[in-house]
Amino acid sequence: MGTLSRKVLRTGPVGSYGVEEVELPSGRRTTLDVLKHPGAAAAVVFRSPATIVLLKQYRHPVGEWLWEIPAGKLDPGENPAECIAREIEEETGLKAATIEAIGVMVTTPAYTDERIWLYEASNLTAGKLAHGHGEEIEIYDVAFDEALAMIGRGEIIDAKTIAALHLVSARRAALPSKT
């Protein structure tokens, strides 16, 4: 069981795309297209206990502006916590003193091994904004409850953002009441 052979067709900034001959758990062999991805990190960034930072970013592959939480691809040798600290500052111009892991997700396991490590970040101070050459990003402060409502209305369709917001919401619901 596992990968028997791999032919890399292209390597680029998001990973290497190739064709793999694999043996499935049943013993059956097949050929699959697979994108090997270095992984990514994303965070729900709290400006205050009730307000988060959301990005509106143009995403060419889907041809539209998407509401997203700050996120980015791991650099070689970088761990996910270092990655998200860097990405928060680059994308929002803020530094987070507190960054707490809340989970991990696989994005599209049918064709990629990409994992996104999810975080909650807070205790912000000013940092240095550094959007990449190919990025078009607008920065907004949004009430956390409004962001959850935006998911329900279909305004937030980005999977990592939906997953992270719901994880934070579930964590908050599990906390003991302060009454």
Foldseek 3Di string as FASTA:
>chain_A
DFWPDWDFPDQDDFATWIKTWTQDPVRDIDIAIAGEGQAKEFEFEDADPFKTKWKFKQDPVVGHTAIHTFMDGADVPGDHVRRHQVRCCQAPQKGFPDKAWQAKDQDDVRHYRYMYTYIYTYPIDGHHHHDDPPIDIDMDMDGLVVLQVCVVVVRHDDVVRNVRSVSVVVVVVPDDDPD
